[in-house]
């Protein structure tokens, strides 16, 4: 390892150590930590960045789901029936360029872990949108026109290695279900970012310098099988729009083995899934659609 790489790793470990001491991010029992009231929809969504890792494939039990759009911009679109296919990704929360999310948001976003599955559907789509970045570090990037095509993935909330969030956090994150569409045109951002893991289970992954390239998918919030969602939760999760960009990232220090457990009430009967993280391949960034910004209250 070069001196420069050693220096970066040392700095990254110092950042993680600071987070651990200040907010208990590496605590063995995170459920014991104090959690404040729900953040506002804008604060929550704009601080939600997800690094998506390729996993070895895992086929879940057969599941036919009917998905309804939650975001107001897509509320008039028809429901989407899908059949769940193999798992292909795990997306975990990160922060960018040492900009740690504010204390009102951090306890919630650091437990947003999504297991992403291929889906089969007869639904065809062609949805034009104007999208803009919500994260404070990227908010000055220009708006873009994109078109969504047929759904390709469904990302579902999980916990890793049975490390559960506090009850109030779980009440929110268990309802984040995202349906991901192919997008066009695909235009590289070509920006460098430093990504640091937020979830305690992946705290041993050192900060990584990545380059963000082409957009590949746009993921929108959905409801499964008309599942009831508490109103105070719905007012936040309906605004979680994430655009996935390919990234050029360094390899993981080693293959990471995990156990994934579904936390959405509809799927808690699914078996625990073994998963191996094979490498970082995408970055999910929070977006707004057609200039409709999440509420500030």
Protein backbone atom coordinates (compact mmCIF):
# COMPACT_ATOMS: atom_id res chain seq x y z
CA UNK A 1 0.00 0.00 0.00
CA UNK A 2 1.31 3.45 -0.91
CA UNK A 3 1.91 6.15 1.71
CA UNK A 4 -0.90 8.14 0.14
CA UNK A 5 -3.35 5.22 0.44
CA UNK A 6 -2.22 4.57 4.01
CA UNK A 7 -2.83 8.22 4.83
CA UNK A 8 -6.33 8.12 3.37
CA UNK A 9 -7.20 4.96 5.28
CA UNK A 10 -5.85 6.49 8.51
CA UNK A 11 -7.98 9.62 7.98
CA UNK A 12 -11.03 7.48 7.21
CA UNK A 13 -10.58 5.46 10.38
CA UNK A 14 -10.27 8.69 12.36
CA UNK A 15 -13.59 9.89 10.90
CA UNK A 16 -15.28 6.61 11.81
CA UNK A 17 -13.80 6.77 15.31
CA UNK A 18 -15.11 10.31 15.73
CA UNK A 19 -18.59 9.25 14.63
CA UNK A 20 -18.48 6.31 17.00
CA UNK A 21 -17.60 8.48 19.97
CA UNK A 22 -20.06 11.25 19.15
CA UNK A 23 -23.16 9.37 18.01
CA UNK A 24 -22.57 5.76 18.97
CA UNK A 25 -22.54 4.57 15.35
CA UNK A 26 -20.57 1.47 16.22
CA UNK A 27 -22.55 0.57 19.31
CA UNK A 28 -23.31 -3.12 19.70
CA UNK A 29 -26.85 -2.33 20.88
CA UNK A 30 -28.11 0.62 18.79
CA UNK A 31 -31.66 0.08 20.03
CA UNK A 32 -30.58 1.52 23.36
CA UNK A 33 -29.68 4.89 21.86
CA UNK A 34 -31.96 7.90 22.13
CA UNK A 35 -33.96 8.77 19.00
CA UNK A 36 -35.68 12.07 18.44
CA UNK A 37 -38.96 12.70 16.59
CA UNK A 38 -39.24 11.94 12.89
CA UNK A 39 -37.29 14.36 10.68
CA UNK A 40 -39.10 16.41 8.04
CA UNK A 41 -39.57 14.74 4.65
CA UNK A 42 -37.07 17.12 2.99
CA UNK A 43 -34.41 16.64 5.67
CA UNK A 44 -34.74 12.86 5.58
CA UNK A 45 -34.73 12.42 1.80
CA UNK A 46 -32.06 15.00 0.99
CA UNK A 47 -29.59 13.28 3.34
CA UNK A 48 -30.25 9.73 2.07
CA UNK A 49 -27.31 8.52 -0.05
CA UNK A 50 -27.00 4.79 -0.75
CA UNK A 51 -23.94 2.88 -1.94
CA UNK A 52 -25.09 -0.22 -3.79
CA UNK A 53 -22.97 -3.37 -3.71
CA UNK A 54 -23.19 -6.27 -6.11
CA UNK A 55 -24.08 -9.45 -4.22
CA UNK A 56 -24.01 -13.10 -5.05
CA UNK A 57 -27.48 -14.09 -6.33
CA UNK A 58 -30.15 -15.36 -3.98
CA UNK A 59 -33.63 -16.42 -5.05
CA UNK A 60 -36.32 -15.58 -2.45
CA UNK A 61 -39.55 -17.55 -1.99
CA UNK A 62 -42.09 -17.04 -4.80
CA UNK A 63 -43.85 -13.72 -4.35
CA UNK A 64 -46.39 -11.95 -6.56
CA UNK A 65 -46.82 -8.33 -5.54
CA UNK A 66 -49.01 -5.49 -6.76
CA UNK A 67 -47.27 -2.14 -6.39
CA UNK A 68 -48.95 1.26 -6.12
CA UNK A 69 -47.07 4.52 -6.60
CA UNK A 70 -46.83 6.73 -3.51
CA UNK A 71 -45.16 9.92 -4.77
CA UNK A 72 -47.69 12.60 -5.80
CA UNK A 73 -46.01 13.10 -9.20
CA UNK A 74 -46.77 9.47 -10.17
CA UNK A 75 -49.98 9.03 -8.19
CA UNK A 76 -52.11 8.79 -11.35
CA UNK A 77 -50.10 5.96 -12.92
CA UNK A 78 -51.49 2.41 -12.95
CA UNK A 79 -50.52 -0.21 -10.40
CA UNK A 80 -47.63 -2.50 -11.32
CA UNK A 81 -47.90 -6.29 -10.78
CA UNK A 82 -44.47 -7.92 -10.36
CA UNK A 83 -42.97 -11.29 -9.58
CA UNK A 84 -39.92 -11.17 -7.34
CA UNK A 85 -36.74 -12.58 -8.89
CA UNK A 86 -33.16 -13.07 -7.67
CA UNK A 87 -31.44 -10.60 -5.35
CA UNK A 88 -28.65 -8.74 -7.13
CA UNK A 89 -27.68 -5.81 -4.86
CA UNK A 90 -27.54 -4.50 -1.33
CA UNK A 91 -27.72 -0.73 -0.92
CA UNK A 92 -26.35 0.73 2.32
CA UNK A 93 -26.35 4.33 3.64
CA UNK A 94 -23.25 6.51 3.24
CA UNK A 95 -22.29 10.14 3.59
CA UNK A 96 -20.31 12.12 1.04
CA UNK A 97 -17.11 14.17 1.39
CA UNK A 98 -17.13 14.04 5.21
CA UNK A 99 -20.48 15.90 5.32
CA UNK A 100 -22.21 13.90 8.09
CA UNK A 101 -26.04 14.20 8.06
CA UNK A 102 -27.49 16.45 10.79
CA UNK A 103 -28.29 14.98 14.18
CA UNK A 104 -32.05 15.14 13.52
CA UNK A 105 -31.68 12.84 10.51
CA UNK A 106 -28.66 10.63 11.21
CA UNK A 107 -30.35 8.08 13.55
CA UNK A 108 -32.85 7.32 10.76
CA UNK A 109 -30.86 7.36 7.51
CA UNK A 110 -28.06 5.17 8.89
CA UNK A 111 -30.51 2.25 9.12
CA UNK A 112 -31.85 2.40 5.57
CA UNK A 113 -30.58 -0.88 4.10
CA UNK A 114 -32.28 -2.09 0.93
CA UNK A 115 -31.98 -5.52 -0.67
CA UNK A 116 -32.67 -5.21 -4.42
CA UNK A 117 -34.26 -7.95 -6.52
CA UNK A 118 -34.87 -8.35 -10.21
CA UNK A 119 -38.56 -8.25 -11.09
CA UNK A 120 -40.63 -9.75 -13.86
CA UNK A 121 -43.61 -7.72 -15.05
CA UNK A 122 -45.78 -7.27 -18.11
CA UNK A 123 -46.04 -3.54 -17.40
CA UNK A 124 -44.49 -1.27 -20.00
CA UNK A 125 -43.73 2.33 -19.14
CA UNK A 126 -42.53 5.52 -20.75
CA UNK A 127 -42.63 8.28 -18.17
CA UNK A 128 -40.92 11.61 -18.96
CA UNK A 129 -39.58 13.53 -15.96
CA UNK A 130 -37.45 16.53 -15.09
CA UNK A 131 -35.19 15.56 -12.18
CA UNK A 132 -33.04 17.64 -9.84
CA UNK A 133 -30.66 16.82 -6.99
CA UNK A 134 -31.77 17.30 -3.38
CA UNK A 135 -28.56 16.60 -1.44
CA UNK A 136 -26.95 19.89 -0.32
CA UNK A 137 -23.59 18.95 -1.86
CA UNK A 138 -25.12 18.43 -5.32
CA UNK A 139 -28.07 20.81 -5.29
CA UNK A 140 -26.40 23.21 -7.76
CA UNK A 141 -26.15 20.60 -10.51
CA UNK A 142 -28.49 21.41 -13.44
CA UNK A 143 -31.87 19.81 -13.88
CA UNK A 144 -32.09 16.99 -16.43
CA UNK A 145 -34.83 15.53 -18.60
CA UNK A 146 -35.06 11.74 -18.41
CA UNK A 147 -37.54 9.05 -19.39
CA UNK A 148 -38.40 6.04 -17.22
CA UNK A 149 -38.89 2.71 -18.98
CA UNK A 150 -39.98 -0.73 -17.73
CA UNK A 151 -39.31 -1.63 -14.07
CA UNK A 152 -36.20 -3.75 -13.49
CA UNK A 153 -35.73 -3.99 -9.70
CA UNK A 154 -37.61 -3.82 -6.42
CA UNK A 155 -35.56 -2.73 -3.39
CA UNK A 156 -36.91 -3.90 -0.02
CA UNK A 157 -35.89 -2.91 3.55
CA UNK A 158 -33.71 -5.33 5.52
CA UNK A 159 -31.42 -5.44 8.53
CA UNK A 160 -27.94 -6.91 8.43
CA UNK A 161 -26.69 -9.54 10.92
CA UNK A 162 -29.77 -8.97 13.13
CA UNK A 163 -28.63 -5.47 14.12
CA UNK A 164 -32.03 -3.81 14.46
CA UNK A 165 -32.57 -0.05 14.74
CA UNK A 166 -34.42 1.56 17.64
CA UNK A 167 -38.19 1.04 17.54
CA UNK A 168 -38.99 4.55 16.30
CA UNK A 169 -36.45 4.23 13.49
CA UNK A 170 -37.74 0.78 12.54
CA UNK A 171 -41.27 2.19 12.36
CA UNK A 172 -40.12 4.44 9.52
CA UNK A 173 -37.50 2.49 7.57
CA UNK A 174 -39.52 -0.76 7.37
CA UNK A 175 -41.85 0.90 4.85
CA UNK A 176 -39.23 2.11 2.33
CA UNK A 177 -39.94 0.05 -0.79
CA UNK A 178 -38.49 1.36 -4.07
CA UNK A 179 -39.37 0.27 -7.61
CA UNK A 180 -36.47 0.96 -9.99
CA UNK A 181 -36.96 1.84 -13.67
CA UNK A 182 -34.46 1.92 -16.51
CA UNK A 183 -33.67 5.49 -17.56
CA UNK A 184 -32.60 7.33 -20.68
CA UNK A 185 -30.58 9.28 -21.69
CA UNK A 186 -27.62 8.06 -19.67
CA UNK A 187 -25.24 10.93 -19.06
CA UNK A 188 -22.17 10.66 -16.78
CA UNK A 189 -21.89 13.10 -13.89
CA UNK A 190 -18.09 12.66 -13.91
CA UNK A 191 -17.66 13.94 -10.37
CA UNK A 192 -15.41 12.54 -7.62
CA UNK A 193 -16.84 11.82 -4.18
CA UNK A 194 -15.58 10.28 -0.97
CA UNK A 195 -18.07 7.81 0.53
CA UNK A 196 -18.10 6.75 4.19
CA UNK A 197 -20.37 4.01 5.56
CA UNK A 198 -23.07 5.01 8.05
CA UNK A 199 -24.53 1.69 9.14
CA UNK A 200 -22.69 0.13 12.10
CA UNK A 201 -22.45 -3.33 10.51
CA UNK A 202 -20.34 -2.02 7.60
CA UNK A 203 -18.21 0.31 9.72
CA UNK A 204 -15.11 -1.74 8.90
CA UNK A 205 -15.25 -0.72 5.22
CA UNK A 206 -12.83 2.21 4.89
CA UNK A 207 -13.91 5.45 3.19
CA UNK A 208 -13.65 5.14 -0.58
CA UNK A 209 -12.88 7.67 -3.30
CA UNK A 210 -15.22 7.03 -6.23
CA UNK A 211 -16.07 8.64 -9.55
CA UNK A 212 -19.77 8.95 -10.36
CA UNK A 213 -20.52 8.17 -14.00
CA UNK A 214 -23.72 7.27 -15.92
CA UNK A 215 -27.24 7.24 -14.48
CA UNK A 216 -28.82 3.78 -14.89
CA UNK A 217 -32.03 3.59 -12.87
CA UNK A 218 -34.55 5.81 -11.15
CA UNK A 219 -36.19 4.32 -8.05
CA UNK A 220 -39.56 5.54 -6.78
CA UNK A 221 -41.50 4.74 -3.58
CA UNK A 222 -44.28 2.17 -3.79
CA UNK A 223 -46.80 0.41 -1.58
CA UNK A 224 -47.10 -3.40 -1.74
CA UNK A 225 -50.49 -5.15 -1.95
CA UNK A 226 -52.34 -2.14 -0.48
CA UNK A 227 -50.42 -2.61 2.76
CA UNK A 228 -51.51 0.00 5.34
CA UNK A 229 -48.78 2.57 6.07
CA UNK A 230 -49.14 4.80 9.16
CA UNK A 231 -49.89 8.41 8.07
CA UNK A 232 -46.87 9.87 9.89
CA UNK A 233 -44.63 7.36 8.07
CA UNK A 234 -46.31 7.79 4.68
CA UNK A 235 -45.72 11.55 4.74
CA UNK A 236 -41.96 10.81 4.64
CA UNK A 237 -41.49 7.61 2.63
CA UNK A 238 -43.66 8.81 -0.27
CA UNK A 239 -40.89 11.32 -1.12
CA UNK A 240 -37.97 8.86 -1.29
CA UNK A 241 -36.89 9.14 -4.95
CA UNK A 242 -33.39 7.77 -5.59
CA UNK A 243 -31.46 7.87 -8.87
CA UNK A 244 -28.80 5.17 -9.23
CA UNK A 245 -25.54 6.09 -10.94
CA UNK A 246 -22.73 3.73 -11.84
CA UNK A 247 -19.53 4.40 -9.92
CA UNK A 248 -15.88 3.61 -10.45
CA UNK A 249 -14.82 2.42 -7.00
CA UNK A 250 -11.85 0.67 -5.40
CA UNK A 251 -12.27 -3.02 -4.54
CA UNK A 252 -13.47 -4.01 -1.10
CA UNK A 253 -10.72 -5.04 1.34
CA UNK A 254 -12.26 -8.53 1.24
CA UNK A 255 -15.51 -10.29 0.39
CA UNK A 256 -18.00 -9.42 3.16
CA UNK A 257 -20.50 -12.04 4.32
CA UNK A 258 -23.84 -10.94 5.79
CA UNK A 259 -27.21 -12.25 6.91
CA UNK A 260 -30.17 -10.22 5.62
CA UNK A 261 -33.54 -10.24 7.37
CA UNK A 262 -36.64 -8.57 5.88
CA UNK A 263 -38.29 -6.01 8.16
CA UNK A 264 -41.37 -4.95 6.19
CA UNK A 265 -44.39 -6.52 7.98
CA UNK A 266 -45.57 -8.12 4.73
CA UNK A 267 -42.31 -10.06 4.26
CA UNK A 268 -41.04 -10.84 7.76
CA UNK A 269 -41.88 -14.48 7.16
CA UNK A 270 -39.22 -14.69 4.44
CA UNK A 271 -36.14 -16.70 5.44
CA UNK A 272 -32.89 -15.04 6.47
CA UNK A 273 -30.77 -14.57 3.34
CA UNK A 274 -27.03 -15.18 3.19
CA UNK A 275 -25.33 -12.47 1.14
CA UNK A 276 -21.79 -11.77 0.07
CA UNK A 277 -20.83 -8.23 -0.98
CA UNK A 278 -18.65 -8.53 -4.08
CA UNK A 279 -17.94 -4.85 -4.77
CA UNK A 280 -19.46 -1.38 -4.94
CA UNK A 281 -21.10 -0.68 -8.30
CA UNK A 282 -23.64 2.14 -7.92
CA UNK A 283 -24.49 5.21 -5.87
CA UNK A 284 -28.09 6.19 -5.17
CA UNK A 285 -28.65 9.93 -4.86
CA UNK A 286 -31.84 11.68 -3.65
CA UNK A 287 -33.81 13.49 -6.33
CA UNK A 288 -36.92 15.57 -6.88
CA UNK A 289 -39.25 15.07 -9.83
CA UNK A 290 -40.76 17.86 -11.95
CA UNK A 291 -39.73 20.51 -9.42
CA UNK A 292 -41.96 19.05 -6.68
CA UNK A 293 -39.85 19.30 -3.52
CA UNK A 294 -40.58 17.26 -0.36
CA UNK A 295 -42.28 19.25 2.42
CA UNK A 296 -40.21 21.05 5.04
CA UNK A 297 -42.61 20.27 7.88
